[in-house]
N, C-alpha and C. Protein backbone atom coordinates (compact mmCIF):
# COMPACT_ATOMS: atom_id res chain seq x y z
N UNK A 1 -190.50 -81.41 25.47
CA UNK A 1 -189.87 -80.41 24.64
C UNK A 1 -190.74 -80.09 23.43
N UNK A 2 -191.40 -81.12 22.88
CA UNK A 2 -192.27 -80.87 21.73
C UNK A 2 -193.39 -79.92 22.12
N UNK A 3 -194.02 -80.16 23.26
CA UNK A 3 -195.12 -79.29 23.69
C UNK A 3 -194.62 -77.89 24.01
N UNK A 4 -193.39 -77.78 24.48
CA UNK A 4 -192.80 -76.46 24.72
C UNK A 4 -192.63 -75.71 23.39
N UNK A 5 -192.06 -76.39 22.40
CA UNK A 5 -191.82 -75.75 21.11
C UNK A 5 -193.12 -75.39 20.39
N UNK A 6 -194.19 -76.13 20.65
CA UNK A 6 -195.49 -75.84 20.05
C UNK A 6 -196.28 -74.81 20.87
N UNK A 7 -195.66 -74.32 21.94
CA UNK A 7 -196.28 -73.33 22.83
C UNK A 7 -197.59 -73.83 23.43
N UNK A 8 -197.58 -75.10 23.85
CA UNK A 8 -198.75 -75.71 24.47
C UNK A 8 -198.63 -75.78 25.99
N UNK A 9 -197.54 -75.27 26.54
CA UNK A 9 -197.35 -75.29 27.99
C UNK A 9 -197.77 -73.96 28.59
N UNK A 10 -197.82 -73.93 29.88
CA UNK A 10 -198.17 -72.73 30.62
C UNK A 10 -197.16 -71.61 30.34
N UNK A 11 -197.58 -70.37 30.56
CA UNK A 11 -196.70 -69.22 30.36
C UNK A 11 -195.47 -69.24 31.26
N UNK A 12 -195.52 -70.01 32.31
CA UNK A 12 -194.39 -70.13 33.24
C UNK A 12 -193.14 -70.63 32.51
N UNK A 13 -193.32 -71.44 31.49
CA UNK A 13 -192.21 -72.05 30.77
C UNK A 13 -191.72 -71.23 29.59
N UNK A 14 -192.34 -70.10 29.30
CA UNK A 14 -192.00 -69.32 28.11
C UNK A 14 -190.53 -68.92 28.04
N UNK A 15 -189.92 -68.62 29.16
CA UNK A 15 -188.52 -68.18 29.17
C UNK A 15 -187.55 -69.28 29.62
N UNK A 16 -188.00 -70.53 29.61
CA UNK A 16 -187.17 -71.62 30.09
C UNK A 16 -186.01 -71.94 29.15
N UNK A 17 -186.23 -71.79 27.86
CA UNK A 17 -185.21 -72.13 26.86
C UNK A 17 -185.05 -70.99 25.88
N UNK A 18 -183.84 -70.84 25.36
CA UNK A 18 -183.60 -69.85 24.33
C UNK A 18 -182.81 -70.51 23.20
N UNK A 19 -182.95 -69.98 22.01
CA UNK A 19 -182.20 -70.52 20.88
C UNK A 19 -180.86 -69.80 20.77
N UNK A 20 -179.95 -70.43 20.09
CA UNK A 20 -178.60 -69.87 19.95
C UNK A 20 -178.61 -68.54 19.18
N UNK A 21 -179.57 -68.34 18.29
CA UNK A 21 -179.58 -67.08 17.54
C UNK A 21 -179.93 -65.88 18.43
N UNK A 22 -180.49 -66.12 19.60
CA UNK A 22 -180.75 -65.04 20.56
C UNK A 22 -179.48 -64.63 21.30
N UNK A 23 -178.47 -65.48 21.25
CA UNK A 23 -177.21 -65.21 21.96
C UNK A 23 -176.17 -64.60 21.03
N UNK A 24 -176.09 -65.10 19.81
CA UNK A 24 -175.08 -64.64 18.86
C UNK A 24 -175.68 -63.61 17.90
N UNK A 25 -174.90 -62.60 17.58
CA UNK A 25 -175.34 -61.58 16.63
C UNK A 25 -175.10 -61.99 15.18
N UNK A 26 -174.40 -63.08 14.99
CA UNK A 26 -174.08 -63.54 13.65
C UNK A 26 -174.61 -64.97 13.46
N UNK A 27 -174.66 -65.41 12.21
CA UNK A 27 -175.16 -66.75 11.90
C UNK A 27 -174.15 -67.80 12.35
N UNK A 28 -174.65 -68.84 12.99
CA UNK A 28 -173.85 -70.01 13.31
C UNK A 28 -174.59 -71.25 12.81
N UNK A 29 -173.90 -72.35 12.67
CA UNK A 29 -174.54 -73.57 12.18
C UNK A 29 -175.61 -74.07 13.14
N UNK A 30 -175.47 -73.76 14.40
CA UNK A 30 -176.45 -74.20 15.40
C UNK A 30 -177.39 -73.08 15.83
N UNK A 31 -177.55 -72.06 15.02
CA UNK A 31 -178.34 -70.90 15.43
C UNK A 31 -179.81 -71.23 15.69
N UNK A 32 -180.35 -72.25 15.04
CA UNK A 32 -181.75 -72.59 15.26
C UNK A 32 -181.95 -73.63 16.36
N UNK A 33 -180.87 -74.09 16.97
CA UNK A 33 -180.97 -75.07 18.04
C UNK A 33 -181.11 -74.39 19.39
N UNK A 34 -181.55 -75.16 20.38
CA UNK A 34 -181.68 -74.61 21.73
C UNK A 34 -180.30 -74.45 22.35
N UNK A 35 -180.15 -73.39 23.12
CA UNK A 35 -178.88 -73.11 23.79
C UNK A 35 -178.74 -74.02 25.01
N UNK A 36 -177.60 -74.68 25.13
CA UNK A 36 -177.34 -75.50 26.31
C UNK A 36 -176.55 -74.65 27.31
N UNK A 37 -177.10 -74.46 28.50
CA UNK A 37 -176.42 -73.61 29.48
C UNK A 37 -175.12 -74.24 29.97
N UNK A 38 -174.21 -73.39 30.39
CA UNK A 38 -172.93 -73.85 30.94
C UNK A 38 -173.17 -74.50 32.28
N UNK A 39 -172.69 -75.72 32.46
CA UNK A 39 -172.87 -76.45 33.72
C UNK A 39 -171.52 -76.64 34.38
N UNK A 40 -171.40 -76.10 35.58
CA UNK A 40 -170.15 -76.24 36.31
C UNK A 40 -170.17 -77.42 37.28
N UNK A 41 -171.30 -78.09 37.36
CA UNK A 41 -171.39 -79.28 38.21
C UNK A 41 -172.19 -80.35 37.50
N UNK A 42 -171.99 -81.59 37.90
CA UNK A 42 -172.73 -82.70 37.31
C UNK A 42 -174.20 -82.63 37.66
N UNK A 43 -174.52 -82.05 38.80
CA UNK A 43 -175.91 -81.95 39.22
C UNK A 43 -176.73 -81.15 38.22
N UNK A 44 -176.17 -80.08 37.70
CA UNK A 44 -176.88 -79.25 36.73
C UNK A 44 -177.08 -79.95 35.39
N UNK A 45 -176.22 -80.93 35.09
CA UNK A 45 -176.35 -81.66 33.83
C UNK A 45 -177.58 -82.55 33.79
N UNK A 46 -178.21 -82.75 34.94
CA UNK A 46 -179.43 -83.55 35.00
C UNK A 46 -180.68 -82.68 35.06
N UNK A 47 -180.52 -81.37 34.95
CA UNK A 47 -181.67 -80.46 34.99
C UNK A 47 -182.39 -80.47 33.65
N UNK A 48 -183.66 -80.07 33.68
CA UNK A 48 -184.44 -80.00 32.45
C UNK A 48 -183.88 -78.97 31.48
N UNK A 49 -183.37 -77.87 32.01
CA UNK A 49 -182.82 -76.82 31.15
C UNK A 49 -181.65 -77.34 30.32
N UNK A 50 -180.85 -78.22 30.88
CA UNK A 50 -179.68 -78.75 30.17
C UNK A 50 -180.06 -79.98 29.34
N UNK A 51 -180.60 -81.02 29.99
CA UNK A 51 -180.90 -82.27 29.30
C UNK A 51 -181.98 -82.08 28.23
N UNK A 52 -182.96 -81.25 28.52
CA UNK A 52 -184.01 -81.00 27.54
C UNK A 52 -183.44 -80.42 26.26
N UNK A 53 -182.55 -79.45 26.40
CA UNK A 53 -181.92 -78.81 25.24
C UNK A 53 -181.02 -79.80 24.49
N UNK A 54 -180.25 -80.57 25.22
CA UNK A 54 -179.33 -81.53 24.59
C UNK A 54 -180.11 -82.58 23.80
N UNK A 55 -181.11 -83.16 24.42
CA UNK A 55 -181.89 -84.21 23.75
C UNK A 55 -182.64 -83.63 22.55
N UNK A 56 -183.25 -82.46 22.72
CA UNK A 56 -183.99 -81.84 21.61
C UNK A 56 -183.07 -81.55 20.43
N UNK A 57 -181.87 -81.09 20.68
CA UNK A 57 -180.93 -80.77 19.60
C UNK A 57 -180.46 -82.02 18.86
N UNK A 58 -180.51 -83.18 19.51
CA UNK A 58 -180.07 -84.42 18.87
C UNK A 58 -181.14 -85.06 18.00
N UNK A 59 -182.38 -84.65 18.16
CA UNK A 59 -183.49 -85.24 17.41
C UNK A 59 -183.44 -84.72 15.97
N UNK A 60 -183.58 -85.60 14.99
CA UNK A 60 -183.59 -85.17 13.59
C UNK A 60 -184.75 -84.21 13.29
N UNK A 61 -184.55 -83.36 12.33
CA UNK A 61 -185.51 -82.30 11.99
C UNK A 61 -186.88 -82.85 11.58
N UNK A 62 -186.90 -83.96 10.83
CA UNK A 62 -188.19 -84.49 10.37
C UNK A 62 -189.07 -84.93 11.54
N UNK A 63 -188.47 -85.31 12.64
CA UNK A 63 -189.25 -85.69 13.82
C UNK A 63 -189.77 -84.45 14.52
N UNK A 64 -188.95 -83.42 14.62
CA UNK A 64 -189.36 -82.18 15.27
C UNK A 64 -190.51 -81.49 14.53
N UNK A 65 -190.62 -81.73 13.23
CA UNK A 65 -191.64 -81.08 12.42
C UNK A 65 -192.96 -81.83 12.38
N UNK A 66 -193.16 -82.76 13.28
CA UNK A 66 -194.42 -83.50 13.34
C UNK A 66 -195.57 -82.53 13.61
N UNK A 67 -196.72 -82.82 13.05
CA UNK A 67 -197.86 -81.90 13.16
C UNK A 67 -198.68 -82.12 14.43
N UNK A 68 -198.44 -83.22 15.13
CA UNK A 68 -199.16 -83.47 16.38
C UNK A 68 -198.23 -84.19 17.35
N UNK A 69 -198.62 -84.17 18.61
CA UNK A 69 -197.83 -84.85 19.64
C UNK A 69 -197.81 -86.36 19.39
N UNK A 70 -198.93 -86.90 18.96
CA UNK A 70 -199.00 -88.34 18.67
C UNK A 70 -198.04 -88.71 17.55
N UNK A 71 -198.02 -87.93 16.49
CA UNK A 71 -197.10 -88.19 15.38
C UNK A 71 -195.65 -88.05 15.84
N UNK A 72 -195.38 -87.04 16.66
CA UNK A 72 -194.03 -86.86 17.19
C UNK A 72 -193.60 -88.08 17.99
N UNK A 73 -194.47 -88.56 18.87
CA UNK A 73 -194.13 -89.73 19.69
C UNK A 73 -193.85 -90.96 18.84
N UNK A 74 -194.70 -91.18 17.85
CA UNK A 74 -194.51 -92.35 16.97
C UNK A 74 -193.18 -92.26 16.23
N UNK A 75 -192.89 -91.11 15.66
CA UNK A 75 -191.63 -90.94 14.92
C UNK A 75 -190.42 -91.08 15.84
N UNK A 76 -190.52 -90.51 17.02
CA UNK A 76 -189.38 -90.55 17.94
C UNK A 76 -189.13 -91.96 18.45
N UNK A 77 -190.19 -92.69 18.79
CA UNK A 77 -190.02 -94.07 19.24
C UNK A 77 -189.43 -94.92 18.12
N UNK A 78 -189.91 -94.75 16.90
CA UNK A 78 -189.37 -95.50 15.76
C UNK A 78 -187.89 -95.16 15.56
N UNK A 79 -187.54 -93.89 15.69
CA UNK A 79 -186.15 -93.45 15.55
C UNK A 79 -185.26 -94.11 16.62
N UNK A 80 -185.72 -94.12 17.85
CA UNK A 80 -184.95 -94.71 18.94
C UNK A 80 -184.77 -96.21 18.73
N UNK A 81 -185.83 -96.89 18.35
CA UNK A 81 -185.75 -98.34 18.15
C UNK A 81 -184.83 -98.71 16.98
N UNK A 82 -184.82 -97.89 15.93
CA UNK A 82 -183.96 -98.17 14.78
C UNK A 82 -182.52 -97.83 15.09
N UNK A 83 -182.28 -96.89 15.96
CA UNK A 83 -180.91 -96.48 16.30
C UNK A 83 -180.20 -97.52 17.18
N UNK A 84 -180.97 -98.29 17.91
CA UNK A 84 -180.34 -99.25 18.83
C UNK A 84 -180.62 -100.62 18.35
């Protein structure tokens, strides 16, 4: 997800995720977060489009703002270890 947000992936992934502000015409508290698609089955809840958005939205902002993938990984691992 970090590499997607930094636009380091292939153009194939450009339309894989959208933010909530692209869906709503007005401001919402989650307008800058990724939109989680509606899942009518449990199978879809394991897809990258759903789980990727859910996990990314749960990550604190200071981790998302890392300047490199290495820094992101270090911050995220530290966050996970401290949370559990």
